[in-house]
């Protein structure tokens, strides 16, 4: 999920790359884009994924903010039990 916490819109939000490691069935498409995200709103890039055990998800998101292009990467560790997903904290 990407949230715009600014008091202005951001543009060209895209899921550029996603890597899922672990035992999962399903997945997400790369290069999914949203043209504009209004202030205080969110967008989710997702689909139904089933898995068992520990799964690591790394996503690379890019967006345009006041004429500048930004790329961010985030990694999360989760425990999957079928369609149920639980975050794993260090």
Protein backbone atom coordinates (compact mmCIF):
# COMPACT_ATOMS: atom_id res chain seq x y z
CA UNK A 1 0.00 0.00 0.00
CA UNK A 2 1.24 3.48 -0.88
CA UNK A 3 -0.16 6.46 1.06
CA UNK A 4 0.22 10.11 0.06
CA UNK A 5 0.79 11.99 3.33
CA UNK A 6 1.41 15.29 1.53
CA UNK A 7 -1.08 18.15 1.16
CA UNK A 8 -0.72 17.90 -2.64
CA UNK A 9 -1.05 15.14 -5.23
CA UNK A 10 1.77 12.86 -6.35
CA UNK A 11 1.86 11.39 -9.84
CA UNK A 12 2.86 8.32 -11.84
CA UNK A 13 2.94 5.95 -8.87
CA UNK A 14 4.08 2.53 -10.02
CA UNK A 15 5.05 -0.85 -8.68
CA UNK A 16 8.26 -1.28 -10.67
CA UNK A 17 9.45 -4.57 -9.24
CA UNK A 18 8.39 -7.12 -6.65
CA UNK A 19 10.28 -10.16 -5.42
CA UNK A 20 8.53 -12.78 -3.28
CA UNK A 21 10.69 -15.49 -1.74
CA UNK A 22 9.26 -18.45 0.11
CA UNK A 23 6.56 -21.00 -0.66
CA UNK A 24 3.72 -19.04 -2.28
CA UNK A 25 1.16 -19.59 -5.00
CA UNK A 26 0.07 -16.51 -6.93
CA UNK A 27 1.86 -13.23 -7.15
CA UNK A 28 1.76 -9.64 -8.25
CA UNK A 29 2.37 -8.01 -11.59
CA UNK A 30 5.28 -5.65 -12.07
CA UNK A 31 4.75 -2.32 -13.82
CA UNK A 32 1.33 -1.60 -12.30
CA UNK A 33 0.71 2.17 -12.29
CA UNK A 34 -1.66 4.85 -10.98
CA UNK A 35 -1.54 8.25 -12.68
CA UNK A 36 -2.42 10.41 -9.64
CA UNK A 37 -2.75 9.94 -5.88
CA UNK A 38 -4.65 12.74 -4.10
CA UNK A 39 -3.56 14.08 -0.69
CA UNK A 40 -4.38 11.78 2.23
CA UNK A 41 -5.36 8.81 0.04
CA UNK A 42 -3.84 5.37 -0.51
CA UNK A 43 -3.53 2.83 -3.29
CA UNK A 44 -2.88 -0.89 -2.95
CA UNK A 45 -1.08 -3.08 -5.44
CA UNK A 46 -2.19 -6.60 -4.69
CA UNK A 47 -3.80 -9.87 -5.56
CA UNK A 48 -4.70 -13.05 -3.72
CA UNK A 49 -1.63 -15.03 -2.64
CA UNK A 50 -1.56 -18.37 -0.80
CA UNK A 51 1.50 -19.62 1.02
CA UNK A 52 2.92 -21.66 3.82
CA UNK A 53 5.66 -20.55 6.19
CA UNK A 54 8.04 -17.63 6.17
CA UNK A 55 7.89 -15.32 3.14
CA UNK A 56 9.95 -12.23 2.31
CA UNK A 57 8.46 -9.56 0.04
CA UNK A 58 10.58 -6.78 -1.47
CA UNK A 59 8.81 -4.09 -3.50
CA UNK A 60 10.21 -1.18 -5.49
CA UNK A 61 7.84 1.78 -5.93
CA UNK A 62 8.46 4.95 -7.95
CA UNK A 63 6.55 8.24 -8.13
CA UNK A 64 6.80 11.89 -9.20
CA UNK A 65 6.65 14.49 -6.43
CA UNK A 66 6.72 18.19 -7.38
CA UNK A 67 8.63 17.57 -10.60
CA UNK A 68 11.19 15.16 -9.12
CA UNK A 69 11.21 11.39 -9.65
CA UNK A 70 11.70 9.16 -6.59
CA UNK A 71 12.24 5.41 -6.20
CA UNK A 72 11.76 3.63 -2.89
CA UNK A 73 12.31 0.01 -1.90
CA UNK A 74 10.83 -1.75 1.11
CA UNK A 75 11.18 -5.30 2.42
CA UNK A 76 8.78 -7.10 4.74
CA UNK A 77 8.85 -10.51 6.40
CA UNK A 78 5.59 -12.39 6.82
CA UNK A 79 4.25 -15.76 7.93
CA UNK A 80 1.72 -17.28 5.53
CA UNK A 81 -0.83 -19.89 6.50
CA UNK A 82 -2.88 -20.41 3.34
CA UNK A 83 -4.57 -17.06 2.60
CA UNK A 84 -3.81 -15.67 6.09
CA UNK A 85 -0.79 -13.37 6.39
CA UNK A 86 0.90 -12.34 9.64
CA UNK A 87 3.72 -9.78 9.84
CA UNK A 88 6.95 -11.02 11.44
CA UNK A 89 8.75 -8.49 13.58
CA UNK A 90 12.50 -8.66 14.27
